[in-house]
Amino acid sequence: VQLQASGGGLVQPGESLRLSCAATGAIFSVFSPKDMAWYRLTPTNQRELVASITSNGSPNYPDSVKGRFTISRNNSRKILYLQMNNLKPEDTAVYYCNSINNPWPWGKGTLVTVSS
């Protein structure tokens, strides 16, 4: 399985982005039972979990992004999404997705830069 994240870019504070992460090489029966998450690696090399979603679609967020980020998944397409609204400079990071348990090899991630 390869995890390909996309959708990052340079935005101003307050703007939005939608990230996607495709699990290529995975079949439905491998992807759909997995609890998945979005992580980010900050410029200071801190890895943070920013959103998680269970196999049946229940999301969870840390306080730092609650109310601004929304995680979702399309099991049939084997894609994980992260809608990010009201972005802040402290959201600047490289964003990755992976399975929470027994993670697959990490992909390259997608860079999100929030700056005025």
N, C-alpha and C. Protein backbone atom coordinates (compact mmCIF):
# COMPACT_ATOMS: atom_id res chain seq x y z
N VAL A 1 0.85 -1.19 0.00
CA VAL A 1 0.00 0.00 0.00
C VAL A 1 0.88 1.24 0.00
N GLN A 2 0.52 2.18 -0.87
CA GLN A 2 1.21 3.48 -0.89
C GLN A 2 0.20 4.57 -0.54
N LEU A 3 0.62 5.49 0.32
CA LEU A 3 -0.25 6.58 0.76
C LEU A 3 0.18 7.85 0.05
N GLN A 4 -0.72 8.40 -0.75
CA GLN A 4 -0.40 9.59 -1.55
C GLN A 4 -1.28 10.74 -1.10
N ALA A 5 -0.69 11.66 -0.37
CA ALA A 5 -1.41 12.84 0.10
C ALA A 5 -1.28 13.96 -0.91
N SER A 6 -2.33 14.75 -1.04
CA SER A 6 -2.32 15.87 -1.97
C SER A 6 -3.26 16.95 -1.48
N GLY A 7 -3.17 18.13 -2.11
CA GLY A 7 -4.08 19.21 -1.79
C GLY A 7 -3.47 20.34 -0.98
N GLY A 8 -2.22 20.20 -0.59
CA GLY A 8 -1.58 21.26 0.18
C GLY A 8 -1.28 22.47 -0.68
N GLY A 9 -0.79 23.51 -0.04
CA GLY A 9 -0.44 24.72 -0.75
C GLY A 9 -0.18 25.87 0.18
N LEU A 10 0.00 27.04 -0.41
CA LEU A 10 0.22 28.26 0.35
C LEU A 10 -1.08 29.04 0.43
N VAL A 11 -1.55 29.30 1.63
CA VAL A 11 -2.78 30.05 1.82
C VAL A 11 -2.56 31.11 2.88
N GLN A 12 -3.47 32.07 2.91
CA GLN A 12 -3.43 33.11 3.93
C GLN A 12 -4.24 32.68 5.15
N PRO A 13 -3.94 33.25 6.30
CA PRO A 13 -4.74 32.92 7.49
C PRO A 13 -6.22 33.15 7.23
N GLY A 14 -7.02 32.22 7.73
CA GLY A 14 -8.46 32.30 7.54
C GLY A 14 -8.98 31.55 6.33
N GLU A 15 -8.10 31.18 5.45
CA GLU A 15 -8.52 30.47 4.24
C GLU A 15 -8.66 28.97 4.51
N SER A 16 -9.07 28.25 3.48
CA SER A 16 -9.36 26.82 3.63
C SER A 16 -8.57 25.99 2.62
N LEU A 17 -8.39 24.74 2.96
CA LEU A 17 -7.82 23.76 2.06
C LEU A 17 -8.50 22.42 2.32
N ARG A 18 -8.53 21.59 1.27
CA ARG A 18 -9.03 20.23 1.43
C ARG A 18 -7.93 19.27 0.99
N LEU A 19 -7.48 18.46 1.93
CA LEU A 19 -6.46 17.47 1.64
C LEU A 19 -7.10 16.13 1.32
N SER A 20 -6.44 15.38 0.47
CA SER A 20 -6.86 14.02 0.14
C SER A 20 -5.68 13.08 0.34
N CYS A 21 -5.98 11.86 0.68
CA CYS A 21 -4.93 10.85 0.82
C CYS A 21 -5.47 9.55 0.26
N ALA A 22 -4.86 9.11 -0.84
CA ALA A 22 -5.29 7.90 -1.51
C ALA A 22 -4.41 6.73 -1.11
N ALA A 23 -5.03 5.65 -0.75
CA ALA A 23 -4.31 4.43 -0.40
C ALA A 23 -4.24 3.55 -1.64
N THR A 24 -3.25 3.82 -2.46
CA THR A 24 -3.14 3.05 -3.69
C THR A 24 -2.55 1.68 -3.40
N GLY A 25 -3.04 0.71 -4.11
CA GLY A 25 -2.58 -0.65 -3.89
C GLY A 25 -3.37 -1.37 -2.83
N ALA A 26 -4.24 -0.65 -2.14
CA ALA A 26 -5.06 -1.28 -1.10
C ALA A 26 -6.38 -1.73 -1.70
N ILE A 27 -6.87 -2.84 -1.26
CA ILE A 27 -8.19 -3.25 -1.69
C ILE A 27 -9.20 -2.86 -0.61
N PHE A 28 -10.45 -2.83 -0.97
CA PHE A 28 -11.49 -2.35 -0.07
C PHE A 28 -11.44 -3.06 1.27
N SER A 29 -11.25 -4.35 1.27
CA SER A 29 -11.29 -5.12 2.51
C SER A 29 -10.09 -4.86 3.40
N VAL A 30 -9.05 -4.22 2.83
CA VAL A 30 -7.87 -3.84 3.63
C VAL A 30 -8.06 -2.44 4.19
N PHE A 31 -8.57 -1.52 3.39
CA PHE A 31 -8.70 -0.12 3.82
C PHE A 31 -9.88 0.08 4.75
N SER A 32 -11.02 -0.46 4.41
CA SER A 32 -12.25 -0.10 5.13
C SER A 32 -12.24 -0.44 6.62
N PRO A 33 -11.59 -1.51 7.07
CA PRO A 33 -11.63 -1.79 8.51
C PRO A 33 -10.65 -0.96 9.34
N LYS A 34 -9.82 -0.19 8.68
CA LYS A 34 -8.77 0.53 9.37
C LYS A 34 -9.28 1.82 10.00
N ASP A 35 -8.90 2.05 11.25
CA ASP A 35 -9.04 3.39 11.82
C ASP A 35 -7.89 4.23 11.26
N MET A 36 -8.24 5.37 10.70
CA MET A 36 -7.25 6.18 9.97
C MET A 36 -7.07 7.53 10.66
N ALA A 37 -5.97 8.19 10.32
CA ALA A 37 -5.70 9.49 10.93
C ALA A 37 -4.88 10.36 9.99
N TRP A 38 -5.02 11.63 10.19
CA TRP A 38 -4.13 12.64 9.60
C TRP A 38 -3.14 13.07 10.68
N TYR A 39 -1.89 13.16 10.29
CA TYR A 39 -0.83 13.64 11.16
C TYR A 39 -0.16 14.82 10.46
N ARG A 40 0.57 15.60 11.24
CA ARG A 40 1.37 16.64 10.63
C ARG A 40 2.74 16.73 11.31
N LEU A 41 3.71 17.06 10.50
CA LEU A 41 5.08 17.26 10.99
C LEU A 41 5.37 18.75 10.88
N THR A 42 5.53 19.36 12.03
CA THR A 42 5.69 20.82 12.07
C THR A 42 7.11 21.22 11.69
N PRO A 43 7.33 22.52 11.45
CA PRO A 43 8.69 22.99 11.13
C PRO A 43 9.70 22.71 12.24
N THR A 44 9.23 22.48 13.45
CA THR A 44 10.12 22.13 14.55
C THR A 44 10.20 20.62 14.75
N ASN A 45 9.75 19.87 13.73
CA ASN A 45 9.84 18.40 13.73
C ASN A 45 9.02 17.73 14.81
N GLN A 46 7.92 18.36 15.16
CA GLN A 46 6.97 17.73 16.08
C GLN A 46 5.91 17.03 15.25
N ARG A 47 5.66 15.74 15.53
CA ARG A 47 4.59 15.04 14.83
C ARG A 47 3.34 15.08 15.70
N GLU A 48 2.28 15.55 15.11
CA GLU A 48 1.02 15.70 15.83
C GLU A 48 -0.09 14.95 15.10
N LEU A 49 -0.96 14.36 15.86
CA LEU A 49 -2.16 13.78 15.28
C LEU A 49 -3.20 14.88 15.22
N VAL A 50 -3.73 15.17 14.04
CA VAL A 50 -4.67 16.29 13.91
C VAL A 50 -6.11 15.83 13.73
N ALA A 51 -6.32 14.60 13.36
CA ALA A 51 -7.68 14.10 13.22
C ALA A 51 -7.64 12.59 13.03
N SER A 52 -8.63 11.92 13.56
CA SER A 52 -8.72 10.48 13.37
C SER A 52 -10.17 10.11 13.06
N ILE A 53 -10.32 8.97 12.43
CA ILE A 53 -11.66 8.50 12.08
C ILE A 53 -11.67 6.98 12.16
N THR A 54 -12.71 6.46 12.80
CA THR A 54 -12.81 5.01 12.92
C THR A 54 -13.27 4.40 11.60
N SER A 55 -13.25 3.08 11.58
CA SER A 55 -13.66 2.39 10.36
C SER A 55 -15.12 2.69 10.02
N ASN A 56 -15.93 2.97 11.02
CA ASN A 56 -17.35 3.26 10.74
C ASN A 56 -17.64 4.75 10.66
N GLY A 57 -16.58 5.58 10.64
CA GLY A 57 -16.77 6.99 10.35
C GLY A 57 -16.87 7.93 11.52
N SER A 58 -16.56 7.48 12.72
CA SER A 58 -16.62 8.37 13.87
C SER A 58 -15.32 9.17 13.99
N PRO A 59 -15.42 10.51 13.96
CA PRO A 59 -14.21 11.33 13.99
C PRO A 59 -13.81 11.73 15.40
N ASN A 60 -12.56 12.13 15.51
CA ASN A 60 -12.07 12.68 16.78
C ASN A 60 -10.98 13.69 16.46
N TYR A 61 -10.93 14.77 17.25
CA TYR A 61 -9.98 15.84 16.99
C TYR A 61 -9.36 16.33 18.28
N PRO A 62 -8.12 16.78 18.22
CA PRO A 62 -7.56 17.48 19.37
C PRO A 62 -8.15 18.88 19.45
N ASP A 63 -8.03 19.49 20.60
CA ASP A 63 -8.61 20.83 20.79
C ASP A 63 -8.04 21.85 19.83
N SER A 64 -6.79 21.65 19.39
CA SER A 64 -6.13 22.64 18.54
C SER A 64 -6.82 22.82 17.18
N VAL A 65 -7.54 21.81 16.73
CA VAL A 65 -8.19 21.91 15.41
C VAL A 65 -9.70 21.71 15.48
N LYS A 66 -10.21 21.38 16.65
CA LYS A 66 -11.65 21.10 16.77
C LYS A 66 -12.46 22.30 16.33
N GLY A 67 -13.45 22.05 15.51
CA GLY A 67 -14.28 23.12 15.00
C GLY A 67 -13.75 23.74 13.71
N ARG A 68 -12.53 23.42 13.36
CA ARG A 68 -11.94 23.97 12.13
C ARG A 68 -11.65 22.88 11.10
N PHE A 69 -11.28 21.71 11.55
CA PHE A 69 -10.91 20.60 10.66
C PHE A 69 -12.01 19.54 10.68
N THR A 70 -12.24 18.93 9.54
CA THR A 70 -13.19 17.83 9.43
C THR A 70 -12.56 16.69 8.64
N ILE A 71 -12.53 15.53 9.25
CA ILE A 71 -11.99 14.35 8.60
C ILE A 71 -13.14 13.51 8.06
N SER A 72 -12.92 12.91 6.91
CA SER A 72 -13.92 12.02 6.33
C SER A 72 -13.21 10.97 5.50
N ARG A 73 -13.97 9.97 5.09
CA ARG A 73 -13.36 8.90 4.31
C ARG A 73 -14.35 8.36 3.29
N ASN A 74 -13.81 7.88 2.20
CA ASN A 74 -14.59 7.19 1.19
C ASN A 74 -13.98 5.81 1.05
N ASN A 75 -14.58 4.84 1.69
CA ASN A 75 -13.99 3.51 1.71
C ASN A 75 -13.98 2.85 0.32
N SER A 76 -15.00 3.11 -0.47
CA SER A 76 -15.04 2.48 -1.78
C SER A 76 -13.93 3.00 -2.68
N ARG A 77 -13.56 4.28 -2.48
CA ARG A 77 -12.47 4.84 -3.27
C ARG A 77 -11.14 4.77 -2.54
N LYS A 78 -11.19 4.33 -1.27
CA LYS A 78 -9.97 4.20 -0.45
C LYS A 78 -9.24 5.54 -0.33
N ILE A 79 -10.00 6.58 -0.02
CA ILE A 79 -9.46 7.92 0.12
C ILE A 79 -9.87 8.49 1.47
N LEU A 80 -8.94 9.17 2.09
CA LEU A 80 -9.16 9.89 3.33
C LEU A 80 -9.09 11.38 3.02
N TYR A 81 -9.98 12.15 3.63
CA TYR A 81 -10.02 13.59 3.38
C TYR A 81 -9.81 14.36 4.68
N LEU A 82 -9.32 15.60 4.51
CA LEU A 82 -9.24 16.52 5.64
C LEU A 82 -9.62 17.91 5.13
N GLN A 83 -10.78 18.36 5.53
CA GLN A 83 -11.20 19.72 5.23
C GLN A 83 -10.70 20.63 6.34
N MET A 84 -9.92 21.62 5.95
CA MET A 84 -9.31 22.52 6.93
C MET A 84 -9.82 23.94 6.67
N ASN A 85 -10.53 24.48 7.62
CA ASN A 85 -11.07 25.83 7.51
C ASN A 85 -10.40 26.74 8.53
N ASN A 86 -10.52 28.05 8.27
CA ASN A 86 -9.95 29.03 9.19
C ASN A 86 -8.52 28.68 9.57
N LEU A 87 -7.71 28.46 8.56
CA LEU A 87 -6.33 28.05 8.81
C LEU A 87 -5.54 29.14 9.51
N LYS A 88 -4.62 28.70 10.35
CA LYS A 88 -3.79 29.59 11.14
C LYS A 88 -2.31 29.33 10.81
N PRO A 89 -1.45 30.30 11.05
CA PRO A 89 -0.02 30.08 10.78
C PRO A 89 0.52 28.85 11.49
N GLU A 90 0.01 28.55 12.67
CA GLU A 90 0.51 27.37 13.40
C GLU A 90 0.06 26.06 12.80
N ASP A 91 -0.78 26.09 11.78
CA ASP A 91 -1.15 24.88 11.04
C ASP A 91 -0.13 24.53 9.97
N THR A 92 0.85 25.40 9.77
CA THR A 92 1.89 25.14 8.78
C THR A 92 2.63 23.86 9.14
N ALA A 93 2.66 22.93 8.20
CA ALA A 93 3.28 21.62 8.45
C ALA A 93 3.19 20.78 7.18
N VAL A 94 3.86 19.65 7.21
CA VAL A 94 3.65 18.63 6.19
C VAL A 94 2.63 17.65 6.74
N TYR A 95 1.59 17.40 5.98
CA TYR A 95 0.47 16.58 6.44
C TYR A 95 0.55 15.19 5.81
N TYR A 96 0.33 14.19 6.63
CA TYR A 96 0.38 12.79 6.21
C TYR A 96 -0.87 12.07 6.71
N CYS A 97 -1.19 10.99 6.06
CA CYS A 97 -2.23 10.13 6.60
C CYS A 97 -1.66 8.74 6.80
N ASN A 98 -2.28 7.98 7.68
CA ASN A 98 -1.88 6.60 7.86
C ASN A 98 -2.91 5.89 8.71
N SER A 99 -2.81 4.60 8.72
CA SER A 99 -3.59 3.79 9.63
C SER A 99 -3.08 3.99 11.05
N ILE A 100 -3.96 4.02 12.02
CA ILE A 100 -3.55 4.24 13.40
C ILE A 100 -2.84 3.00 13.95
N ASN A 101 -3.37 1.87 13.70
CA ASN A 101 -2.76 0.62 14.16
C ASN A 101 -2.08 -0.07 12.97
N ASN A 102 -0.93 -0.65 13.21
CA ASN A 102 -0.17 -1.32 12.14
C ASN A 102 -0.06 -0.41 10.91
N PRO A 103 0.56 0.76 11.07
CA PRO A 103 0.62 1.70 9.95
C PRO A 103 1.35 1.14 8.75
N TRP A 104 0.91 1.63 7.61
CA TRP A 104 1.59 1.32 6.36
C TRP A 104 2.84 2.19 6.22
N PRO A 105 3.69 1.94 5.23
CA PRO A 105 4.84 2.84 5.00
C PRO A 105 4.34 4.27 4.78
N TRP A 106 5.06 5.22 5.37
CA TRP A 106 4.64 6.61 5.26
C TRP A 106 4.87 7.14 3.86
N GLY A 107 3.92 7.89 3.36
CA GLY A 107 4.08 8.57 2.09
C GLY A 107 4.85 9.86 2.26
N LYS A 108 4.91 10.65 1.19
CA LYS A 108 5.70 11.89 1.21
C LYS A 108 4.98 13.03 1.90
N GLY A 109 3.69 12.95 2.05
CA GLY A 109 2.95 14.03 2.67
C GLY A 109 2.70 15.17 1.71
N THR A 110 1.94 16.14 2.20
CA THR A 110 1.64 17.33 1.42
C THR A 110 1.86 18.55 2.29
N LEU A 111 2.55 19.54 1.76
CA LEU A 111 2.95 20.71 2.54
C LEU A 111 1.83 21.75 2.56
N VAL A 112 1.50 22.18 3.75
CA VAL A 112 0.55 23.27 3.96
C VAL A 112 1.30 24.42 4.60
N THR A 113 1.24 25.57 3.95
CA THR A 113 1.89 26.77 4.48
C THR A 113 0.83 27.85 4.64
N VAL A 114 0.71 28.33 5.86
CA VAL A 114 -0.28 29.38 6.15
C VAL A 114 0.50 30.64 6.53
N SER A 115 0.42 31.61 5.66
CA SER A 115 1.21 32.82 5.87
C SER A 115 0.57 33.99 5.15
N SER A 116 0.68 35.16 5.77
CA SER A 116 0.18 36.37 5.12
C SER A 116 1.30 37.05 4.35
